[in-house]
Amino acid sequence: MLAINCEPAQRKSVLPLLEAMGITFVPVESDWAWAEQQYGVTGTPEALLIDQQGRIMFKPAVHDADTRIGLERQVEALLDRAQP
């Protein structure tokens, strides 16, 4: 899981928000130009599933139970690929 904070000035509010959501990792800090160039991110929130080589494999959109099942399958597919 990779989280990118494209608004470093909001650092003081981002970390408490993530903590309240039960997210225990620290987001990468960058700017919009880097996020767009590297991952095609032009707005937030944006979700990407990235493989071990840093390639975007899926851009999941979770809106309901059916799309959540799709996300679970995408995560499983990535984990299966990572197995030796």
N, C-alpha and C. Protein backbone atom coordinates (compact mmCIF):
# COMPACT_ATOMS: atom_id res chain seq x y z
N MET A 1 0.85 -1.17 0.00
CA MET A 1 0.00 0.00 0.00
C MET A 1 0.89 1.22 0.00
N LEU A 2 0.60 2.14 -0.88
CA LEU A 2 1.36 3.38 -0.98
C LEU A 2 0.38 4.54 -0.85
N ALA A 3 0.65 5.41 0.07
CA ALA A 3 -0.14 6.63 0.22
C ALA A 3 0.78 7.81 -0.06
N ILE A 4 0.30 8.73 -0.88
CA ILE A 4 1.09 9.91 -1.22
C ILE A 4 0.33 11.15 -0.77
N ASN A 5 0.97 11.94 0.05
CA ASN A 5 0.40 13.22 0.45
C ASN A 5 0.95 14.27 -0.50
N CYS A 6 0.10 14.79 -1.37
CA CYS A 6 0.52 15.80 -2.35
C CYS A 6 0.40 17.22 -1.81
N GLU A 7 -0.01 17.33 -0.58
CA GLU A 7 -0.15 18.64 0.06
C GLU A 7 0.65 18.64 1.37
N PRO A 8 1.99 18.70 1.28
CA PRO A 8 2.81 18.65 2.50
C PRO A 8 2.43 19.69 3.56
N ALA A 9 1.84 20.78 3.15
CA ALA A 9 1.42 21.79 4.14
C ALA A 9 0.32 21.25 5.05
N GLN A 10 -0.34 20.17 4.63
CA GLN A 10 -1.40 19.58 5.43
C GLN A 10 -0.90 18.43 6.30
N ARG A 11 0.41 18.29 6.42
CA ARG A 11 1.01 17.20 7.18
C ARG A 11 0.39 17.05 8.57
N LYS A 12 0.19 18.16 9.25
CA LYS A 12 -0.33 18.10 10.63
C LYS A 12 -1.73 17.51 10.70
N SER A 13 -2.50 17.62 9.63
CA SER A 13 -3.85 17.04 9.65
C SER A 13 -3.90 15.65 9.03
N VAL A 14 -2.97 15.33 8.14
CA VAL A 14 -3.00 14.03 7.46
C VAL A 14 -2.69 12.89 8.43
N LEU A 15 -1.64 13.00 9.20
CA LEU A 15 -1.26 11.90 10.09
C LEU A 15 -2.34 11.57 11.12
N PRO A 16 -2.95 12.56 11.80
CA PRO A 16 -4.03 12.22 12.73
C PRO A 16 -5.24 11.59 12.02
N LEU A 17 -5.53 12.03 10.80
CA LEU A 17 -6.64 11.43 10.04
C LEU A 17 -6.35 9.96 9.75
N LEU A 18 -5.15 9.67 9.27
CA LEU A 18 -4.80 8.28 8.98
C LEU A 18 -4.84 7.44 10.25
N GLU A 19 -4.34 7.98 11.34
CA GLU A 19 -4.36 7.26 12.61
C GLU A 19 -5.79 6.96 13.03
N ALA A 20 -6.68 7.92 12.90
CA ALA A 20 -8.09 7.73 13.26
C ALA A 20 -8.75 6.65 12.40
N MET A 21 -8.24 6.49 11.18
CA MET A 21 -8.78 5.48 10.26
C MET A 21 -8.14 4.11 10.48
N GLY A 22 -7.18 4.03 11.43
CA GLY A 22 -6.52 2.76 11.70
C GLY A 22 -5.39 2.46 10.74
N ILE A 23 -4.94 3.46 10.00
CA ILE A 23 -3.83 3.28 9.06
C ILE A 23 -2.54 3.56 9.81
N THR A 24 -1.64 2.59 9.78
CA THR A 24 -0.46 2.67 10.65
C THR A 24 0.83 3.02 9.93
N PHE A 25 0.78 3.26 8.62
CA PHE A 25 2.01 3.62 7.93
C PHE A 25 2.00 5.11 7.61
N VAL A 26 3.17 5.64 7.37
CA VAL A 26 3.33 7.07 7.10
C VAL A 26 3.31 7.28 5.58
N PRO A 27 2.54 8.24 5.09
CA PRO A 27 2.49 8.47 3.65
C PRO A 27 3.77 9.12 3.13
N VAL A 28 4.04 8.85 1.87
CA VAL A 28 5.12 9.53 1.17
C VAL A 28 4.68 10.97 0.95
N GLU A 29 5.59 11.90 1.06
CA GLU A 29 5.26 13.29 0.77
C GLU A 29 5.91 13.69 -0.54
N SER A 30 5.11 14.29 -1.40
CA SER A 30 5.61 14.75 -2.68
C SER A 30 4.75 15.91 -3.13
N ASP A 31 4.82 16.19 -4.43
CA ASP A 31 3.98 17.25 -4.98
C ASP A 31 3.14 16.67 -6.11
N TRP A 32 2.21 17.47 -6.60
CA TRP A 32 1.29 17.01 -7.64
C TRP A 32 2.01 16.63 -8.92
N ALA A 33 3.05 17.37 -9.28
CA ALA A 33 3.76 17.08 -10.53
C ALA A 33 4.36 15.68 -10.49
N TRP A 34 4.98 15.31 -9.38
CA TRP A 34 5.58 13.98 -9.25
C TRP A 34 4.51 12.90 -9.28
N ALA A 35 3.44 13.10 -8.53
CA ALA A 35 2.37 12.09 -8.47
C ALA A 35 1.74 11.88 -9.84
N GLU A 36 1.57 12.95 -10.59
CA GLU A 36 0.99 12.81 -11.93
C GLU A 36 1.98 12.13 -12.87
N GLN A 37 3.24 12.52 -12.81
CA GLN A 37 4.25 11.94 -13.70
C GLN A 37 4.47 10.46 -13.41
N GLN A 38 4.57 10.09 -12.15
CA GLN A 38 4.87 8.71 -11.78
C GLN A 38 3.67 7.77 -11.85
N TYR A 39 2.50 8.27 -11.45
CA TYR A 39 1.35 7.39 -11.30
C TYR A 39 0.08 7.88 -11.97
N GLY A 40 0.14 9.01 -12.65
CA GLY A 40 -1.05 9.51 -13.33
C GLY A 40 -2.10 10.07 -12.39
N VAL A 41 -1.70 10.41 -11.19
CA VAL A 41 -2.63 10.94 -10.19
C VAL A 41 -2.87 12.42 -10.46
N THR A 42 -4.12 12.78 -10.68
CA THR A 42 -4.46 14.18 -10.92
C THR A 42 -5.45 14.71 -9.89
N GLY A 43 -5.89 13.85 -9.00
CA GLY A 43 -6.82 14.25 -7.95
C GLY A 43 -6.81 13.22 -6.85
N THR A 44 -7.41 13.56 -5.75
CA THR A 44 -7.47 12.63 -4.64
C THR A 44 -8.90 12.53 -4.13
N PRO A 45 -9.30 11.45 -3.53
CA PRO A 45 -8.46 10.27 -3.34
C PRO A 45 -8.32 9.47 -4.63
N GLU A 46 -7.22 8.79 -4.75
CA GLU A 46 -6.92 7.92 -5.89
C GLU A 46 -6.37 6.62 -5.31
N ALA A 47 -6.83 5.51 -5.81
CA ALA A 47 -6.35 4.21 -5.35
C ALA A 47 -5.64 3.50 -6.50
N LEU A 48 -4.48 2.96 -6.19
CA LEU A 48 -3.70 2.21 -7.18
C LEU A 48 -3.17 0.96 -6.50
N LEU A 49 -3.18 -0.14 -7.20
CA LEU A 49 -2.51 -1.35 -6.72
C LEU A 49 -1.26 -1.51 -7.57
N ILE A 50 -0.13 -1.50 -6.91
CA ILE A 50 1.18 -1.47 -7.56
C ILE A 50 1.92 -2.77 -7.27
N ASP A 51 2.56 -3.33 -8.29
CA ASP A 51 3.30 -4.58 -8.08
C ASP A 51 4.69 -4.30 -7.50
N GLN A 52 5.46 -5.36 -7.29
CA GLN A 52 6.78 -5.23 -6.66
C GLN A 52 7.75 -4.39 -7.48
N GLN A 53 7.51 -4.25 -8.77
CA GLN A 53 8.39 -3.45 -9.62
C GLN A 53 7.90 -2.00 -9.73
N GLY A 54 6.83 -1.66 -9.01
CA GLY A 54 6.32 -0.30 -9.02
C GLY A 54 5.38 0.00 -10.18
N ARG A 55 4.94 -1.04 -10.89
CA ARG A 55 4.02 -0.85 -12.01
C ARG A 55 2.58 -0.84 -11.52
N ILE A 56 1.78 0.05 -12.07
CA ILE A 56 0.37 0.08 -11.74
C ILE A 56 -0.30 -1.12 -12.39
N MET A 57 -0.91 -1.95 -11.56
CA MET A 57 -1.58 -3.14 -12.07
C MET A 57 -3.09 -2.96 -12.11
N PHE A 58 -3.64 -2.24 -11.14
CA PHE A 58 -5.08 -2.01 -11.08
C PHE A 58 -5.34 -0.61 -10.52
N LYS A 59 -6.46 -0.03 -10.95
CA LYS A 59 -6.95 1.22 -10.38
C LYS A 59 -8.36 0.95 -9.86
N PRO A 60 -8.43 0.38 -8.66
CA PRO A 60 -9.74 -0.02 -8.14
C PRO A 60 -10.60 1.18 -7.74
N ALA A 61 -11.89 1.01 -7.94
CA ALA A 61 -12.87 1.99 -7.49
C ALA A 61 -13.87 1.23 -6.64
N VAL A 62 -13.90 1.50 -5.36
CA VAL A 62 -14.77 0.77 -4.45
C VAL A 62 -15.90 1.69 -4.00
N HIS A 63 -17.12 1.28 -4.40
CA HIS A 63 -18.30 2.09 -4.07
C HIS A 63 -19.37 1.29 -3.34
N ASP A 64 -19.27 -0.03 -3.40
CA ASP A 64 -20.29 -0.87 -2.80
C ASP A 64 -19.73 -2.27 -2.59
N ALA A 65 -20.57 -3.19 -2.15
CA ALA A 65 -20.12 -4.55 -1.85
C ALA A 65 -19.57 -5.25 -3.09
N ASP A 66 -20.21 -5.05 -4.23
CA ASP A 66 -19.75 -5.72 -5.45
C ASP A 66 -18.37 -5.23 -5.87
N THR A 67 -18.14 -3.93 -5.83
CA THR A 67 -16.83 -3.42 -6.23
C THR A 67 -15.77 -3.75 -5.18
N ARG A 68 -16.17 -3.91 -3.93
CA ARG A 68 -15.22 -4.34 -2.89
C ARG A 68 -14.74 -5.76 -3.17
N ILE A 69 -15.63 -6.61 -3.64
CA ILE A 69 -15.24 -7.98 -4.01
C ILE A 69 -14.21 -7.93 -5.14
N GLY A 70 -14.42 -7.04 -6.10
CA GLY A 70 -13.46 -6.87 -7.18
C GLY A 70 -12.10 -6.45 -6.66
N LEU A 71 -12.08 -5.53 -5.71
CA LEU A 71 -10.82 -5.09 -5.11
C LEU A 71 -10.13 -6.26 -4.41
N GLU A 72 -10.88 -7.06 -3.68
CA GLU A 72 -10.30 -8.21 -2.99
C GLU A 72 -9.66 -9.16 -3.99
N ARG A 73 -10.30 -9.38 -5.10
CA ARG A 73 -9.74 -10.26 -6.13
C ARG A 73 -8.48 -9.68 -6.74
N GLN A 74 -8.45 -8.37 -6.93
CA GLN A 74 -7.26 -7.73 -7.48
C GLN A 74 -6.08 -7.86 -6.50
N VAL A 75 -6.35 -7.64 -5.23
CA VAL A 75 -5.29 -7.79 -4.21
C VAL A 75 -4.79 -9.23 -4.18
N GLU A 76 -5.71 -10.17 -4.21
CA GLU A 76 -5.32 -11.58 -4.23
C GLU A 76 -4.46 -11.91 -5.44
N ALA A 77 -4.81 -11.37 -6.60
CA ALA A 77 -4.02 -11.61 -7.82
C ALA A 77 -2.60 -11.08 -7.66
N LEU A 78 -2.46 -9.91 -7.07
CA LEU A 78 -1.12 -9.35 -6.85
C LEU A 78 -0.34 -10.19 -5.85
N LEU A 79 -0.98 -10.63 -4.79
CA LEU A 79 -0.30 -11.45 -3.79
C LEU A 79 0.12 -12.79 -4.39
N ASP A 80 -0.73 -13.37 -5.23
CA ASP A 80 -0.38 -14.63 -5.88
C ASP A 80 0.83 -14.47 -6.78
N ARG A 81 0.94 -13.34 -7.47
CA ARG A 81 2.09 -13.07 -8.34
C ARG A 81 3.38 -12.93 -7.55
N ALA A 82 3.26 -12.44 -6.31
CA ALA A 82 4.43 -12.17 -5.48
C ALA A 82 5.00 -13.44 -4.87
N GLN A 83 4.25 -14.52 -4.87
CA GLN A 83 4.70 -15.77 -4.27
C GLN A 83 5.78 -16.40 -5.15
N PRO A 84 6.84 -16.91 -4.52
CA PRO A 84 7.92 -17.55 -5.30
C PRO A 84 7.48 -18.86 -5.95
